[in-house]
PDB file of N, CA and C in Angstrom:
ATOM      1  N   UNK A   1     -18.927 -21.950  32.928  1.00  0.00           N
ATOM      2  CA  UNK A   1     -18.189 -21.225  34.077  1.00  0.00           C
ATOM      3  C   UNK A   1     -16.728 -21.560  33.103  1.00  0.00           C
ATOM      4  N   UNK A   2     -16.246 -20.039  33.422  1.00  0.00           N
ATOM      5  CA  UNK A   2     -15.336 -19.702  33.194  1.00  0.00           C
ATOM      6  C   UNK A   2     -13.637 -19.846  34.194  1.00  0.00           C
ATOM      7  N   UNK A   3     -12.481 -20.486  34.030  1.00  0.00           N
ATOM      8  CA  UNK A   3     -11.644 -20.167  35.130  1.00  0.00           C
ATOM      9  C   UNK A   3     -10.805 -18.905  34.358  1.00  0.00           C
ATOM     10  N   UNK A   4     -10.925 -17.615  35.340  1.00  0.00           N
ATOM     11  CA  UNK A   4      -9.917 -16.356  35.130  1.00  0.00           C
ATOM     12  C   UNK A   4      -9.045 -16.100  35.342  1.00  0.00           C
ATOM     13  N   UNK A   5      -8.607 -16.956  36.821  1.00  0.00           N
ATOM     14  CA  UNK A   5      -7.206 -16.835  37.648  1.00  0.00           C
ATOM     15  C   UNK A   5      -7.007 -18.185  38.384  1.00  0.00           C
ATOM     16  N   UNK A   6      -5.878 -18.349  38.361  1.00  0.00           N
ATOM     17  CA  UNK A   6      -5.057 -19.080  39.292  1.00  0.00           C
ATOM     18  C   UNK A   6      -4.325 -18.846  40.435  1.00  0.00           C
ATOM     19  N   UNK A   7      -4.257 -19.461  41.866  1.00  0.00           N
ATOM     20  CA  UNK A   7      -3.653 -18.471  42.801  1.00  0.00           C
ATOM     21  C   UNK A   7      -3.193 -19.945  43.513  1.00  0.00           C
ATOM     22  N   UNK A   8      -1.680 -20.014  43.535  1.00  0.00           N
ATOM     23  CA  UNK A   8      -1.078 -21.321  43.882  1.00  0.00           C
ATOM     24  C   UNK A   8      -1.049 -21.065  44.870  1.00  0.00           C
ATOM     25  N   UNK A   9      -0.934 -21.909  46.145  1.00  0.00           N
ATOM     26  CA  UNK A   9      -0.488 -21.473  47.409  1.00  0.00           C
ATOM     27  C   UNK A   9       0.589 -22.535  47.946  1.00  0.00           C
ATOM     28  N   UNK A  10       1.653 -21.656  48.243  1.00  0.00           N
ATOM     29  CA  UNK A  10       3.069 -22.252  48.849  1.00  0.00           C
ATOM     30  C   UNK A  10       3.307 -22.001  50.088  1.00  0.00           C
ATOM     31  N   UNK A  11       3.569 -23.067  51.007  1.00  0.00           N
ATOM     32  CA  UNK A  11       4.053 -23.370  52.389  1.00  0.00           C
ATOM     33  C   UNK A  11       5.342 -22.624  52.651  1.00  0.00           C
ATOM     34  N   UNK A  12       5.804 -21.423  53.770  1.00  0.00           N
ATOM     35  CA  UNK A  12       6.904 -20.797  53.772  1.00  0.00           C
ATOM     36  C   UNK A  12       6.871 -20.828  55.391  1.00  0.00           C
ATOM     37  N   UNK A  13       8.019 -20.573  55.963  1.00  0.00           N
ATOM     38  CA  UNK A  13       8.187 -20.887  57.576  1.00  0.00           C
ATOM     39  C   UNK A  13       9.285 -19.739  57.646  1.00  0.00           C
ATOM     40  N   UNK A  14       9.516 -18.961  56.942  1.00  0.00           N
ATOM     41  CA  UNK A  14      10.290 -17.340  57.313  1.00  0.00           C
ATOM     42  C   UNK A  14       9.799 -16.654  56.662  1.00  0.00           C
ATOM     43  N   UNK A  15       9.575 -15.360  56.852  1.00  0.00           N
ATOM     44  CA  UNK A  15       9.056 -14.118  56.683  1.00  0.00           C
ATOM     45  C   UNK A  15      10.114 -13.839  55.843  1.00  0.00           C
ATOM     46  N   UNK A  16      11.051 -13.388  56.364  1.00  0.00           N
ATOM     47  CA  UNK A  16      12.166 -12.849  56.189  1.00  0.00           C
ATOM     48  C   UNK A  16      12.636 -13.136  54.726  1.00  0.00           C
ATOM     49  N   UNK A  17      12.950 -14.372  55.153  1.00  0.00           N
ATOM     50  CA  UNK A  17      13.578 -15.305  53.606  1.00  0.00           C
ATOM     51  C   UNK A  17      12.803 -15.401  52.502  1.00  0.00           C
ATOM     52  N   UNK A  18      11.160 -15.703  52.681  1.00  0.00           N
ATOM     53  CA  UNK A  18      10.621 -15.303  51.551  1.00  0.00           C
ATOM     54  C   UNK A  18      10.430 -14.010  51.177  1.00  0.00           C
ATOM     55  N   UNK A  19      10.564 -12.768  51.956  1.00  0.00           N
ATOM     56  CA  UNK A  19      10.828 -11.774  50.892  1.00  0.00           C
ATOM     57  C   UNK A  19      12.035 -12.121  50.841  1.00  0.00           C
ATOM     58  N   UNK A  20      13.208 -12.274  51.064  1.00  0.00           N
ATOM     59  CA  UNK A  20      14.511 -12.141  50.024  1.00  0.00           C
ATOM     60  C   UNK A  20      14.219 -12.527  48.652  1.00  0.00           C
ATOM     61  N   UNK A  21      14.075 -13.747  48.850  1.00  0.00           N
ATOM     62  CA  UNK A  21      13.479 -14.692  47.469  1.00  0.00           C
ATOM     63  C   UNK A  21      12.601 -14.377  46.216  1.00  0.00           C
ATOM     64  N   UNK A  22      11.172 -14.082  46.984  1.00  0.00           N
ATOM     65  CA  UNK A  22      10.524 -13.399  45.973  1.00  0.00           C
ATOM     66  C   UNK A  22      10.619 -11.910  45.615  1.00  0.00           C
ATOM     67  N   UNK A  23      10.572 -11.074  46.567  1.00  0.00           N
ATOM     68  CA  UNK A  23      10.610  -9.745  46.197  1.00  0.00           C
ATOM     69  C   UNK A  23      11.760  -9.305  45.834  1.00  0.00           C
ATOM     70  N   UNK A  24      13.045  -9.460  46.394  1.00  0.00           N
ATOM     71  CA  UNK A  24      14.343  -9.284  46.203  1.00  0.00           C
ATOM     72  C   UNK A  24      14.888 -10.202  45.128  1.00  0.00           C
ATOM     73  N   UNK A  25      14.986 -11.298  44.952  1.00  0.00           N
ATOM     74  CA  UNK A  25      15.177 -12.418  43.467  1.00  0.00           C
ATOM     75  C   UNK A  25      14.206 -12.320  42.540  1.00  0.00           C
ATOM     76  N   UNK A  26      13.494 -12.530  43.072  1.00  0.00           N
ATOM     77  CA  UNK A  26      12.266 -12.663  41.433  1.00  0.00           C
ATOM     78  C   UNK A  26      11.452 -11.206  41.249  1.00  0.00           C
ATOM     79  N   UNK A  27      11.288 -10.076  42.019  1.00  0.00           N
ATOM     80  CA  UNK A  27      11.104  -9.189  42.089  1.00  0.00           C
ATOM     81  C   UNK A  27       9.648  -8.426  41.627  1.00  0.00           C
ATOM     82  N   UNK A  28       9.105  -9.073  42.630  1.00  0.00           N
ATOM     83  CA  UNK A  28       7.545  -9.468  42.877  1.00  0.00           C
ATOM     84  C   UNK A  28       7.428  -8.726  43.552  1.00  0.00           C
ATOM     85  N   UNK A  29       5.583  -8.140  44.006  1.00  0.00           N
ATOM     86  CA  UNK A  29       5.491  -7.163  45.123  1.00  0.00           C
ATOM     87  C   UNK A  29       4.797  -7.800  45.703  1.00  0.00           C
ATOM     88  N   UNK A  30       4.635  -7.330  47.240  1.00  0.00           N
ATOM     89  CA  UNK A  30       3.809  -7.719  48.533  1.00  0.00           C
ATOM     90  C   UNK A  30       2.631  -7.166  48.018  1.00  0.00           C
ATOM     91  N   UNK A  31       1.070  -7.661  47.842  1.00  0.00           N
ATOM     92  CA  UNK A  31       0.092  -7.046  47.410  1.00  0.00           C
ATOM     93  C   UNK A  31      -0.579  -6.814  48.943  1.00  0.00           C
ATOM     94  N   UNK A  32      -0.588  -7.598  49.398  1.00  0.00           N
ATOM     95  CA  UNK A  32      -1.333  -7.632  50.916  1.00  0.00           C
ATOM     96  C   UNK A  32      -1.069  -8.925  51.701  1.00  0.00           C
ATOM     97  N   UNK A  33      -0.926  -8.144  53.000  1.00  0.00           N
ATOM     98  CA  UNK A  33      -0.808  -9.563  54.254  1.00  0.00           C
ATOM     99  C   UNK A  33      -1.511  -9.646  54.917  1.00  0.00           C
ATOM    100  N   UNK A  34      -1.637 -10.636  55.650  1.00  0.00           N
ATOM    101  CA  UNK A  34      -2.775 -10.787  56.566  1.00  0.00           C
ATOM    102  C   UNK A  34      -2.247 -12.052  57.765  1.00  0.00           C
ATOM    103  N   UNK A  35      -3.191 -11.682  59.026  1.00  0.00           N
ATOM    104  CA  UNK A  35      -3.072 -12.157  60.369  1.00  0.00           C
ATOM    105  C   UNK A  35      -3.704 -11.924  61.220  1.00  0.00           C
ATOM    106  N   UNK A  36      -4.202 -13.472  61.773  1.00  0.00           N
ATOM    107  CA  UNK A  36      -5.527 -12.941  62.367  1.00  0.00           C
ATOM    108  C   UNK A  36      -5.708 -12.415  63.594  1.00  0.00           C
ATOM    109  N   UNK A  37      -4.178 -12.022  64.431  1.00  0.00           N
ATOM    110  CA  UNK A  37      -3.704 -11.291  65.392  1.00  0.00           C
ATOM    111  C   UNK A  37      -2.225 -11.515  65.744  1.00  0.00           C
ATOM    112  N   UNK A  38      -1.872 -10.487  66.312  1.00  0.00           N
ATOM    113  CA  UNK A  38      -0.273 -10.306  66.994  1.00  0.00           C
ATOM    114  C   UNK A  38       0.180 -12.114  67.564  1.00  0.00           C
ATOM    115  N   UNK A  39       0.916 -12.310  66.717  1.00  0.00           N
ATOM    116  CA  UNK A  39       1.857 -13.654  66.591  1.00  0.00           C
ATOM    117  C   UNK A  39       1.138 -14.692  66.054  1.00  0.00           C
ATOM    118  N   UNK A  40       0.504 -14.263  64.965  1.00  0.00           N
ATOM    119  CA  UNK A  40      -0.411 -15.345  64.248  1.00  0.00           C
ATOM    120  C   UNK A  40       0.536 -15.677  63.133  1.00  0.00           C
ATOM    121  N   UNK A  41       0.418 -16.653  62.096  1.00  0.00           N
ATOM    122  CA  UNK A  41       0.869 -17.162  61.025  1.00  0.00           C
ATOM    123  C   UNK A  41       0.633 -15.699  59.868  1.00  0.00           C
ATOM    124  N   UNK A  42       1.683 -15.907  59.138  1.00  0.00           N
ATOM    125  CA  UNK A  42       1.426 -14.649  57.862  1.00  0.00           C
ATOM    126  C   UNK A  42       0.923 -15.696  56.884  1.00  0.00           C
ATOM    127  N   UNK A  43      -0.411 -14.875  56.094  1.00  0.00           N
ATOM    128  CA  UNK A  43      -0.472 -15.071  54.773  1.00  0.00           C
ATOM    129  C   UNK A  43      -0.703 -13.972  53.752  1.00  0.00           C
ATOM    130  N   UNK A  44       0.356 -13.965  52.636  1.00  0.00           N
ATOM    131  CA  UNK A  44       0.385 -12.918  51.760  1.00  0.00           C
ATOM    132  C   UNK A  44       0.110 -12.994  50.370  1.00  0.00           C
ATOM    133  N   UNK A  45       0.348 -12.389  49.703  1.00  0.00           N
ATOM    134  CA  UNK A  45       0.096 -12.459  48.058  1.00  0.00           C
ATOM    135  C   UNK A  45       1.075 -11.800  47.839  1.00  0.00           C
ATOM    136  N   UNK A  46       1.703 -12.214  46.919  1.00  0.00           N
ATOM    137  CA  UNK A  46       2.918 -11.821  46.319  1.00  0.00           C
ATOM    138  C   UNK A  46       2.343 -11.971  44.676  1.00  0.00           C
ATOM    139  N   UNK A  47       2.830 -10.733  44.182  1.00  0.00           N
ATOM    140  CA  UNK A  47       2.786 -10.910  41.926  1.00  0.00           C
ATOM    141  C   UNK A  47       3.867  -9.410  41.126  1.00  0.00           C
ATOM    142  N   UNK A  48       3.884 -10.252  40.343  1.00  0.00           N
ATOM    143  CA  UNK A  48       4.279  -9.547  39.147  1.00  0.00           C
ATOM    144  C   UNK A  48       3.231  -9.213  37.823  1.00  0.00           C
ATOM    145  N   UNK A  49       3.656  -8.809  37.236  1.00  0.00           N
ATOM    146  CA  UNK A  49       2.494  -8.610  35.759  1.00  0.00           C
ATOM    147  C   UNK A  49       2.137 -10.170  35.227  1.00  0.00           C
ATOM    148  N   UNK A  50       2.465 -11.562  35.638  1.00  0.00           N
ATOM    149  CA  UNK A  50       2.169 -12.509  35.054  1.00  0.00           C
ATOM    150  C   UNK A  50       1.789 -13.461  36.102  1.00  0.00           C
ATOM    151  N   UNK A  51       1.971 -13.214  37.370  1.00  0.00           N
ATOM    152  CA  UNK A  51       1.989 -14.753  38.214  1.00  0.00           C
ATOM    153  C   UNK A  51       1.225 -13.812  39.600  1.00  0.00           C
ATOM    154  N   UNK A  52       0.482 -14.079  40.467  1.00  0.00           N
ATOM    155  CA  UNK A  52      -0.149 -14.062  41.829  1.00  0.00           C
ATOM    156  C   UNK A  52      -0.154 -15.132  42.619  1.00  0.00           C
ATOM    157  N   UNK A  53       0.908 -14.995  43.666  1.00  0.00           N
ATOM    158  CA  UNK A  53       1.326 -16.103  44.414  1.00  0.00           C
ATOM    159  C   UNK A  53       0.836 -16.264  45.407  1.00  0.00           C
ATOM    160  N   UNK A  54       0.333 -17.009  46.529  1.00  0.00           N
ATOM    161  CA  UNK A  54      -0.259 -16.733  47.833  1.00  0.00           C
ATOM    162  C   UNK A  54       1.208 -17.882  48.455  1.00  0.00           C
ATOM    163  N   UNK A  55       1.252 -16.612  49.669  1.00  0.00           N
ATOM    164  CA  UNK A  55       2.199 -17.316  50.538  1.00  0.00           C
ATOM    165  C   UNK A  55       1.937 -17.580  52.298  1.00  0.00           C
ATOM    166  N   UNK A  56       2.138 -18.839  52.563  1.00  0.00           N
ATOM    167  CA  UNK A  56       1.078 -19.452  53.800  1.00  0.00           C
ATOM    168  C   UNK A  56       2.048 -19.986  55.151  1.00  0.00           C
ATOM    169  N   UNK A  57       1.839 -19.442  56.124  1.00  0.00           N
ATOM    170  CA  UNK A  57       2.647 -19.973  57.311  1.00  0.00           C
ATOM    171  C   UNK A  57       1.826 -20.763  57.923  1.00  0.00           C
ATOM    172  N   UNK A  58       0.377 -21.247  57.521  1.00  0.00           N
ATOM    173  CA  UNK A  58      -0.583 -21.707  58.331  1.00  0.00           C
ATOM    174  C   UNK A  58      -0.253 -23.330  57.473  1.00  0.00           C
ATOM    175  N   UNK A  59       0.112 -24.162  58.831  1.00  0.00           N
ATOM    176  CA  UNK A  59       0.138 -25.266  58.941  1.00  0.00           C
ATOM    177  C   UNK A  59      -0.984 -25.728  57.889  1.00  0.00           C
ATOM    178  N   UNK A  60      -1.811 -26.104  58.148  1.00  0.00           N
ATOM    179  CA  UNK A  60      -2.904 -26.467  56.951  1.00  0.00           C
ATOM    180  C   UNK A  60      -3.091 -26.261  55.255  1.00  0.00           C
ATOM    181  N   UNK A  61      -2.375 -25.064  55.673  1.00  0.00           N
ATOM    182  CA  UNK A  61      -2.800 -24.590  53.662  1.00  0.00           C
ATOM    183  C   UNK A  61      -2.357 -25.560  52.785  1.00  0.00           C
ATOM    184  N   UNK A  62      -1.007 -25.816  53.185  1.00  0.00           N
ATOM    185  CA  UNK A  62      -0.550 -26.874  52.004  1.00  0.00           C
ATOM    186  C   UNK A  62       0.815 -27.351  52.286  1.00  0.00           C
ATOM    187  N   UNK A  63       1.383 -27.690  51.770  1.00  0.00           N
ATOM    188  CA  UNK A  63       2.320 -28.592  51.679  1.00  0.00           C
ATOM    189  C   UNK A  63       3.811 -28.234  51.494  1.00  0.00           C
ATOM    190  N   UNK A  64       5.300 -28.129  51.705  1.00  0.00           N
ATOM    191  CA  UNK A  64       6.412 -27.832  51.285  1.00  0.00           C
ATOM    192  C   UNK A  64       6.865 -28.632  50.233  1.00  0.00           C
ATOM    193  N   UNK A  65       7.115 -28.140  49.254  1.00  0.00           N
ATOM    194  CA  UNK A  65       8.164 -29.192  47.831  1.00  0.00           C
ATOM    195  C   UNK A  65       7.193 -29.171  47.010  1.00  0.00           C
ATOM    196  N   UNK A  66       5.948 -28.296  46.495  1.00  0.00           N
ATOM    197  CA  UNK A  66       5.608 -27.970  45.588  1.00  0.00           C
ATOM    198  C   UNK A  66       6.148 -27.650  44.504  1.00  0.00           C
ATOM    199  N   UNK A  67       5.334 -27.685  43.644  1.00  0.00           N
ATOM    200  CA  UNK A  67       6.328 -27.006  42.117  1.00  0.00           C
ATOM    201  C   UNK A  67       4.966 -26.698  41.350  1.00  0.00           C
ATOM    202  N   UNK A  68       5.112 -25.489  40.443  1.00  0.00           N
ATOM    203  CA  UNK A  68       4.056 -24.993  39.188  1.00  0.00           C
ATOM    204  C   UNK A  68       5.210 -24.607  38.193  1.00  0.00           C
ATOM    205  N   UNK A  69       4.108 -24.750  36.989  1.00  0.00           N
ATOM    206  CA  UNK A  69       4.713 -24.323  35.547  1.00  0.00           C
ATOM    207  C   UNK A  69       4.187 -23.120  35.330  1.00  0.00           C
ATOM    208  N   UNK A  70       5.154 -22.111  34.968  1.00  0.00           N
ATOM    209  CA  UNK A  70       4.296 -20.766  34.497  1.00  0.00           C
ATOM    210  C   UNK A  70       5.021 -20.275  33.138  1.00  0.00           C
ATOM    211  N   UNK A  71       3.982 -20.173  32.518  1.00  0.00           N
ATOM    212  CA  UNK A  71       4.184 -19.890  30.714  1.00  0.00           C
ATOM    213  C   UNK A  71       4.763 -18.644  30.944  1.00  0.00           C
ATOM    214  N   UNK A  72       5.850 -18.224  30.504  1.00  0.00           N
ATOM    215  CA  UNK A  72       6.072 -16.973  29.625  1.00  0.00           C
ATOM    216  C   UNK A  72       6.500 -16.967  28.255  1.00  0.00           C
ATOM    217  N   UNK A  73       6.954 -15.634  28.217  1.00  0.00           N
ATOM    218  CA  UNK A  73       7.786 -15.329  26.819  1.00  0.00           C
ATOM    219  C   UNK A  73       8.888 -14.642  27.572  1.00  0.00           C
ATOM    220  N   UNK A  74      10.100 -14.271  25.974  1.00  0.00           N
ATOM    221  CA  UNK A  74      11.161 -13.567  26.817  1.00  0.00           C
ATOM    222  C   UNK A  74      12.272 -14.568  28.028  1.00  0.00           C
ATOM    223  N   UNK A  75      12.333 -15.849  27.584  1.00  0.00           N
ATOM    224  CA  UNK A  75      13.199 -16.602  28.849  1.00  0.00           C
ATOM    225  C   UNK A  75      14.106 -16.270  28.799  1.00  0.00           C
ATOM    226  N   UNK A  76      15.445 -15.914  27.789  1.00  0.00           N
ATOM    227  CA  UNK A  76      16.087 -15.554  27.987  1.00  0.00           C
ATOM    228  C   UNK A  76      16.472 -14.056  28.768  1.00  0.00           C
ATOM    229  N   UNK A  77      16.187 -13.062  28.507  1.00  0.00           N
ATOM    230  CA  UNK A  77      15.986 -11.765  29.052  1.00  0.00           C
ATOM    231  C   UNK A  77      15.428 -11.958  30.469  1.00  0.00           C
ATOM    232  N   UNK A  78      14.304 -12.845  30.821  1.00  0.00           N
ATOM    233  CA  UNK A  78      14.440 -13.435  32.492  1.00  0.00           C
ATOM    234  C   UNK A  78      15.404 -14.081  32.830  1.00  0.00           C
ATOM    235  N   UNK A  79      15.895 -15.413  32.336  1.00  0.00           N
ATOM    236  CA  UNK A  79      16.852 -15.946  32.381  1.00  0.00           C
ATOM    237  C   UNK A  79      18.288 -14.774  32.852  1.00  0.00           C
ATOM    238  N   UNK A  80      18.546 -13.984  32.003  1.00  0.00           N
ATOM    239  CA  UNK A  80      19.505 -12.957  32.228  1.00  0.00           C
ATOM    240  C   UNK A  80      19.357 -12.126  33.339  1.00  0.00           C
ATOM    241  N   UNK A  81      18.013 -11.726  33.675  1.00  0.00           N
ATOM    242  CA  UNK A  81      18.090 -10.514  34.829  1.00  0.00           C
ATOM    243  C   UNK A  81      18.467 -11.551  35.895  1.00  0.00           C
ATOM    244  N   UNK A  82      17.444 -12.580  36.348  1.00  0.00           N
ATOM    245  CA  UNK A  82      17.918 -13.529  37.100  1.00  0.00           C
ATOM    246  C   UNK A  82      19.103 -13.963  37.579  1.00  0.00           C
ATOM    247  N   UNK A  83      20.212 -14.095  36.209  1.00  0.00           N
ATOM    248  CA  UNK A  83      21.475 -14.454  36.704  1.00  0.00           C
ATOM    249  C   UNK A  83      22.623 -13.146  37.344  1.00  0.00           C
ATOM    250  N   UNK A  84      22.072 -11.896  36.641  1.00  0.00           N
ATOM    251  CA  UNK A  84      22.618 -11.008  37.321  1.00  0.00           C
ATOM    252  C   UNK A  84      22.221  -9.950  38.993  1.00  0.00           C
ATOM    253  N   UNK A  85      21.366 -10.720  39.139  1.00  0.00           N
ATOM    254  CA  UNK A  85      21.060 -10.314  40.807  1.00  0.00           C
ATOM    255  C   UNK A  85      22.020 -10.903  42.082  1.00  0.00           C
ATOM    256  N   UNK A  86      22.489 -10.682  42.853  1.00  0.00           N
ATOM    257  CA  UNK A  86      23.103 -10.984  43.199  1.00  0.00           C
ATOM    258  C   UNK A  86      22.807 -12.087  44.864  1.00  0.00           C
ATOM    259  N   UNK A  87      22.016 -13.057  44.323  1.00  0.00           N
ATOM    260  CA  UNK A  87      21.159 -14.178  44.959  1.00  0.00           C
ATOM    261  C   UNK A  87      21.880 -15.382  45.239  1.00  0.00           C
ATOM    262  N   UNK A  88      22.794 -15.520  46.253  1.00  0.00           N
ATOM    263  CA  UNK A  88      23.460 -16.749  46.176  1.00  0.00           C
ATOM    264  C   UNK A  88      22.675 -17.988  46.599  1.00  0.00           C
ATOM    265  N   UNK A  89      21.301 -17.884  47.149  1.00  0.00           N
ATOM    266  CA  UNK A  89      21.397 -19.274  47.089  1.00  0.00           C
ATOM    267  C   UNK A  89      20.176 -19.937  45.826  1.00  0.00           C
ATOM    268  N   UNK A  90      20.444 -19.167  44.492  1.00  0.00           N
ATOM    269  CA  UNK A  90      19.738 -20.049  43.147  1.00  0.00           C
ATOM    270  C   UNK A  90      20.620 -19.009  41.985  1.00  0.00           C
ATOM    271  N   UNK A  91      21.371 -20.221  41.191  1.00  0.00           N
ATOM    272  CA  UNK A  91      21.903 -19.767  39.807  1.00  0.00           C
ATOM    273  C   UNK A  91      21.305 -20.582  39.102  1.00  0.00           C
ATOM    274  N   UNK A  92      20.131 -20.221  38.915  1.00  0.00           N
ATOM    275  CA  UNK A  92      19.670 -21.190  37.620  1.00  0.00           C
ATOM    276  C   UNK A  92      19.830 -20.992  36.163  1.00  0.00           C
ATOM    277  N   UNK A  93      20.013 -22.133  35.704  1.00  0.00           N
ATOM    278  CA  UNK A  93      20.269 -22.421  34.192  1.00  0.00           C
ATOM    279  C   UNK A  93      18.756 -22.750  33.526  1.00  0.00           C
ATOM    280  N   UNK A  94      19.363 -22.719  32.065  1.00  0.00           N
ATOM    281  CA  UNK A  94      18.110 -22.819  31.226  1.00  0.00           C
ATOM    282  C   UNK A  94      18.323 -24.139  30.633  1.00  0.00           C
ATOM    283  N   UNK A  95      17.239 -25.161  30.705  1.00  0.00           N
ATOM    284  CA  UNK A  95      17.053 -26.361  29.949  1.00  0.00           C
ATOM    285  C   UNK A  95      16.241 -25.984  29.030  1.00  0.00           C
ATOM    286  N   UNK A  96      16.864 -27.032  28.140  1.00  0.00           N
ATOM    287  CA  UNK A  96      16.299 -27.482  26.856  1.00  0.00           C
ATOM    288  C   UNK A  96      15.318 -28.701  27.661  1.00  0.00           C
ATOM    289  N   UNK A  97      14.338 -28.830  27.255  1.00  0.00           N
ATOM    290  CA  UNK A  97      13.509 -30.391  27.418  1.00  0.00           C
ATOM    291  C   UNK A  97      13.244 -31.095  26.472  1.00  0.00           C
ATOM    292  N   UNK A  98      12.695 -32.244  26.551  1.00  0.00           N
ATOM    293  CA  UNK A  98      12.909 -33.535  25.503  1.00  0.00           C
ATOM    294  C   UNK A  98      11.113 -33.164  24.837  1.00  0.00           C
ATOM    295  N   UNK A  99      10.188 -31.959  25.637  1.00  0.00           N
ATOM    296  CA  UNK A  99       8.410 -31.587  25.246  1.00  0.00           C
ATOM    297  C   UNK A  99       8.555 -30.275  24.580  1.00  0.00           C
ATOM    298  N   UNK A 100      10.293 -29.952  23.828  1.00  0.00           N
ATOM    299  CA  UNK A 100       9.839 -29.078  23.051  1.00  0.00           C
ATOM    300  C   UNK A 100       9.861 -27.433  24.372  1.00  0.00           C
ATOM    301  N   UNK A 101      10.318 -27.532  25.035  1.00  0.00           N
ATOM    302  CA  UNK A 101      10.518 -25.933  25.921  1.00  0.00           C
ATOM    303  C   UNK A 101      11.721 -25.803  26.533  1.00  0.00           C
ATOM    304  N   UNK A 102      11.941 -24.392  26.649  1.00  0.00           N
ATOM    305  CA  UNK A 102      13.224 -24.178  27.868  1.00  0.00           C
ATOM    306  C   UNK A 102      12.510 -23.309  28.625  1.00  0.00           C
ATOM    307  N   UNK A 103      13.271 -24.084  30.082  1.00  0.00           N
ATOM    308  CA  UNK A 103      13.074 -23.463  31.282  1.00  0.00           C
ATOM    309  C   UNK A 103      14.213 -23.201  32.249  1.00  0.00           C
ATOM    310  N   UNK A 104      13.388 -22.319  33.134  1.00  0.00           N
ATOM    311  CA  UNK A 104      14.419 -22.215  33.744  1.00  0.00           C
ATOM    312  C   UNK A 104      13.874 -22.417  35.397  1.00  0.00           C
ATOM    313  N   UNK A 105      14.063 -23.566  36.103  1.00  0.00           N
ATOM    314  CA  UNK A 105      13.314 -23.458  37.641  1.00  0.00           C
ATOM    315  C   UNK A 105      14.247 -22.963  38.628  1.00  0.00           C
ATOM    316  N   UNK A 106      13.090 -22.500  39.572  1.00  0.00           N
ATOM    317  CA  UNK A 106      13.692 -22.180  40.630  1.00  0.00           C
ATOM    318  C   UNK A 106      13.156 -22.552  41.759  1.00  0.00           C
ATOM    319  N   UNK A 107      14.111 -22.404  43.026  1.00  0.00           N
ATOM    320  CA  UNK A 107      13.297 -23.188  44.074  1.00  0.00           C
ATOM    321  C   UNK A 107      13.212 -22.116  45.058  1.00  0.00           C
ATOM    322  N   UNK A 108      11.996 -21.506  45.806  1.00  0.00           N
ATOM    323  CA  UNK A 108      12.070 -21.109  47.219  1.00  0.00           C
ATOM    324  C   UNK A 108      13.010 -21.551  48.615  1.00  0.00           C
ATOM    325  N   UNK A 109      13.680 -20.889  49.479  1.00  0.00           N
ATOM    326  CA  UNK A 109      13.981 -21.458  50.721  1.00  0.00           C
ATOM    327  C   UNK A 109      12.869 -22.863  51.592  1.00  0.00           C
ATOM    328  N   UNK A 110      11.931 -23.010  50.969  1.00  0.00           N
ATOM    329  CA  UNK A 110      11.543 -23.921  51.724  1.00  0.00           C
ATOM    330  C   UNK A 110      10.769 -25.290  50.656  1.00  0.00           C
ATOM    331  N   UNK A 111      11.530 -25.439  49.746  1.00  0.00           N
ATOM    332  CA  UNK A 111      11.346 -26.622  48.807  1.00  0.00           C
ATOM    333  C   UNK A 111      10.322 -26.288  47.628  1.00  0.00           C
ATOM    334  N   UNK A 112       9.926 -25.393  47.656  1.00  0.00           N
ATOM    335  CA  UNK A 112       8.905 -24.948  46.719  1.00  0.00           C
ATOM    336  C   UNK A 112       9.412 -24.745  45.369  1.00  0.00           C
ATOM    337  N   UNK A 113       9.177 -24.911  44.285  1.00  0.00           N
ATOM    338  CA  UNK A 113       9.980 -24.733  42.837  1.00  0.00           C
ATOM    339  C   UNK A 113       8.785 -23.827  41.739  1.00  0.00           C
ATOM    340  N   UNK A 114       9.048 -23.545  41.169  1.00  0.00           N
ATOM    341  CA  UNK A 114       8.762 -22.785  40.142  1.00  0.00           C
ATOM    342  C   UNK A 114       9.094 -23.090  39.042  1.00  0.00           C
ATOM    343  N   UNK A 115       8.046 -23.359  38.104  1.00  0.00           N
ATOM    344  CA  UNK A 115       9.536 -23.912  36.232  1.00  0.00           C
ATOM    345  C   UNK A 115       8.857 -22.805  35.409  1.00  0.00           C
ATOM    346  N   UNK A 116       9.733 -21.786  35.278  1.00  0.00           N
ATOM    347  CA  UNK A 116       8.890 -20.681  34.138  1.00  0.00           C
ATOM    348  C   UNK A 116       9.289 -21.349  32.650  1.00  0.00           C
ATOM    349  N   UNK A 117       8.405 -21.739  32.019  1.00  0.00           N
ATOM    350  CA  UNK A 117       8.719 -22.132  30.306  1.00  0.00           C
ATOM    351  C   UNK A 117       8.393 -21.461  29.371  1.00  0.00           C
ATOM    352  N   UNK A 118       8.897 -21.772  28.319  1.00  0.00           N
ATOM    353  CA  UNK A 118       8.470 -20.887  26.961  1.00  0.00           C
ATOM    354  C   UNK A 118       8.586 -21.880  26.091  1.00  0.00           C
ATOM    355  N   UNK A 119       7.872 -22.224  25.070  1.00  0.00           N
ATOM    356  CA  UNK A 119       7.741 -22.936  24.342  1.00  0.00           C
ATOM    357  C   UNK A 119       8.650 -23.026  22.722  1.00  0.00           C
ATOM    358  N   UNK A 120       9.819 -23.664  22.369  1.00  0.00           N
ATOM    359  CA  UNK A 120      10.355 -23.582  21.750  1.00  0.00           C
ATOM    360  C   UNK A 120      10.413 -22.536  20.519  1.00  0.00           C
ATOM    361  N   UNK A 121       8.676 -23.375  19.800  1.00  0.00           N
ATOM    362  CA  UNK A 121       8.188 -22.475  18.667  1.00  0.00           C
ATOM    363  C   UNK A 121       7.830 -20.898  18.803  1.00  0.00           C
ATOM    364  N   UNK A 122       7.760 -20.605  19.922  1.00  0.00           N
ATOM    365  CA  UNK A 122       7.371 -19.005  20.246  1.00  0.00           C
ATOM    366  C   UNK A 122       8.359 -18.470  19.318  1.00  0.00           C
TER     367      UNK A 122
END
């Protein structure tokens, strides 16, 4: 067996705020959406070239306040891109860690966090 892809699921509570953060701020694309019917919770996949993430309004899918780490290259350019956006709820810096990485951590409106990291020796 070989793992080919990991799709973290984050809990969300407001579709508009999720779109503002994931699409507007992080620049991800909505790949698909699913509802079992009218007035049912939304389940959606957002992605970019290096991350696929599932967002769910369903109560039992996951807990808010989760965190994932995503290895990236070009952390300075990524940080600059985020810093130039007019998103008032998130102004991340670059952290130099004791474990030899440089990290940009963002939190979504629901308490979930994504730590984008690049090893210092890259």
